[in-house]
Amino acid sequence: QVQLVESGGGLVQPGGSLRLSCAASGSISRIYVMGWYRQAPGKQRELVASITSSTSTNYAESVKGRFTISVDNAKNTLYLQMNSLRPEDTAVYYCQRRELGKLYWGQGTQVTVSS
């Protein structure tokens, strides 16, 4: 089993920045895919960005150039640096980890972009 705990969400003004963290614990494999998803009220959950254990990254078009996904394998922690935030980035952000044929989710952290 793998446990994921997100942190770093909050309220920020448009144009501001936040950094989300997702700490993984438990029986962790060295081969994985991790990602950040978000779900806004009344909308489906969508992929924001993902990263593989070989550090290959993928971003949604809406966040390219503004968000950066990274991982610190020594700390088993995933990050999402979010810059130039917009009101449409408001959502609950979830961390996901795929490994050994299993899928794990964190509990989510709220990001609100508003003046």
Protein backbone atom coordinates (compact mmCIF):
# COMPACT_ATOMS: atom_id res chain seq x y z
CA GLN A 1 0.00 0.00 0.00
CA VAL A 2 1.01 3.56 -0.72
CA GLN A 3 -0.28 6.63 1.09
CA LEU A 4 -0.27 10.10 -0.48
CA VAL A 5 -0.65 13.32 1.48
CA GLU A 6 -0.97 16.66 -0.32
CA SER A 7 -0.23 20.08 1.12
CA GLY A 8 0.36 23.64 -0.03
CA GLY A 9 -3.05 24.70 -1.24
CA GLY A 10 -4.69 27.97 -0.27
CA LEU A 11 -6.06 31.29 -1.42
CA VAL A 12 -3.97 33.36 -3.82
CA GLN A 13 -4.61 36.44 -5.95
CA PRO A 14 -4.59 36.22 -9.74
CA GLY A 15 -1.02 36.31 -11.00
CA GLY A 16 0.28 34.79 -7.79
CA SER A 17 2.12 31.53 -7.12
CA LEU A 18 1.69 28.42 -5.01
CA ARG A 19 3.67 25.23 -4.62
CA LEU A 20 1.84 21.98 -3.92
CA SER A 21 3.55 19.00 -2.35
CA CYS A 22 2.57 15.33 -2.25
CA ALA A 23 4.43 13.07 0.16
CA ALA A 24 4.34 9.35 -0.59
CA SER A 25 4.84 6.69 2.07
CA GLY A 26 4.42 2.94 2.40
CA SER A 27 5.59 0.23 0.00
CA ILE A 28 7.03 2.50 -2.69
CA SER A 29 8.36 1.22 -6.00
CA ARG A 30 11.23 2.90 -7.82
CA ILE A 31 9.26 2.65 -11.07
CA TYR A 32 6.16 4.82 -11.14
CA VAL A 33 4.14 7.53 -12.81
CA MET A 34 2.91 10.39 -10.66
CA GLY A 35 0.60 13.19 -11.56
CA TRP A 36 -1.48 16.11 -10.43
CA TYR A 37 -5.16 16.22 -11.29
CA ARG A 38 -7.73 18.87 -10.49
CA GLN A 39 -11.47 19.05 -10.21
CA ALA A 40 -13.42 22.28 -10.29
CA PRO A 41 -17.04 22.48 -9.07
CA GLY A 42 -19.40 20.91 -11.60
CA LYS A 43 -16.55 19.68 -13.79
CA GLN A 44 -14.80 16.37 -14.34
CA ARG A 45 -11.42 15.65 -12.86
CA GLU A 46 -8.67 16.49 -15.34
CA LEU A 47 -4.97 15.83 -15.67
CA VAL A 48 -2.79 18.86 -14.94
CA ALA A 49 0.69 17.36 -15.22
CA SER A 50 2.47 14.03 -14.87
CA ILE A 51 6.01 12.77 -14.43
CA THR A 52 7.54 9.33 -14.75
CA SER A 53 10.32 7.77 -12.71
CA SER A 54 12.58 8.52 -15.69
CA THR A 55 11.53 12.22 -15.30
CA SER A 56 9.56 12.43 -18.51
CA THR A 57 6.88 15.12 -18.06
CA ASN A 58 3.52 15.90 -19.62
CA TYR A 59 1.35 19.00 -19.16
CA ALA A 60 -2.19 20.03 -19.97
CA GLU A 61 -2.21 22.77 -22.61
CA SER A 62 -3.92 25.16 -20.21
CA VAL A 63 -0.97 25.11 -17.77
CA LYS A 64 2.03 24.85 -20.10
CA GLY A 65 4.56 27.56 -19.38
CA ARG A 66 2.96 28.37 -16.00
CA PHE A 67 3.16 25.13 -13.99
CA THR A 68 6.16 22.89 -13.36
CA ILE A 69 6.00 19.35 -12.03
CA SER A 70 9.01 17.84 -10.28
CA VAL A 71 9.90 15.02 -7.91
CA ASP A 72 12.44 14.51 -5.14
CA ASN A 73 12.96 10.75 -5.00
CA ALA A 74 15.09 10.99 -1.86
CA LYS A 75 12.11 12.51 -0.05
CA ASN A 76 9.44 10.56 -2.00
CA THR A 77 7.76 13.87 -2.65
CA LEU A 78 6.04 15.24 -5.74
CA TYR A 79 5.74 18.98 -6.33
CA LEU A 80 3.72 21.29 -8.52
CA GLN A 81 5.00 24.83 -8.83
CA MET A 82 2.15 27.00 -10.05
CA ASN A 83 2.90 30.49 -11.33
CA SER A 84 0.76 33.16 -13.00
CA LEU A 85 -2.33 31.65 -11.45
CA ARG A 86 -5.72 32.44 -12.94
CA PRO A 87 -9.23 32.25 -11.49
CA GLU A 88 -9.89 29.28 -13.77
CA ASP A 89 -7.16 27.35 -11.94
CA THR A 90 -9.44 27.23 -8.90
CA ALA A 91 -10.07 23.58 -8.04
CA VAL A 92 -9.29 20.76 -5.67
CA TYR A 93 -5.90 19.39 -6.67
CA TYR A 94 -5.24 15.68 -6.26
CA CYS A 95 -2.00 13.74 -6.33
CA GLN A 96 -1.99 10.36 -8.08
CA ARG A 97 0.59 7.61 -8.16
CA ARG A 98 0.62 4.57 -10.47
CA GLU A 99 2.95 1.67 -9.73
CA LEU A 100 2.95 -2.12 -10.00
CA GLY A 101 -0.46 -2.05 -11.68
CA LYS A 102 -2.10 -0.12 -8.85
CA LEU A 103 -3.47 3.39 -8.60
CA TYR A 104 -3.36 5.60 -5.52
CA TRP A 105 -4.92 9.00 -4.80
CA GLY A 106 -4.34 11.64 -2.18
CA GLN A 107 -7.15 13.36 -0.32
CA GLY A 108 -6.88 16.60 -2.30
CA THR A 109 -5.95 20.18 -1.47
CA GLN A 110 -8.02 23.26 -2.34
CA VAL A 111 -6.54 25.97 -4.52
CA THR A 112 -8.57 29.16 -4.83
CA VAL A 113 -7.47 31.99 -7.12
CA SER A 114 -9.45 35.12 -6.39
CA SER A 115 -9.00 38.81 -5.72
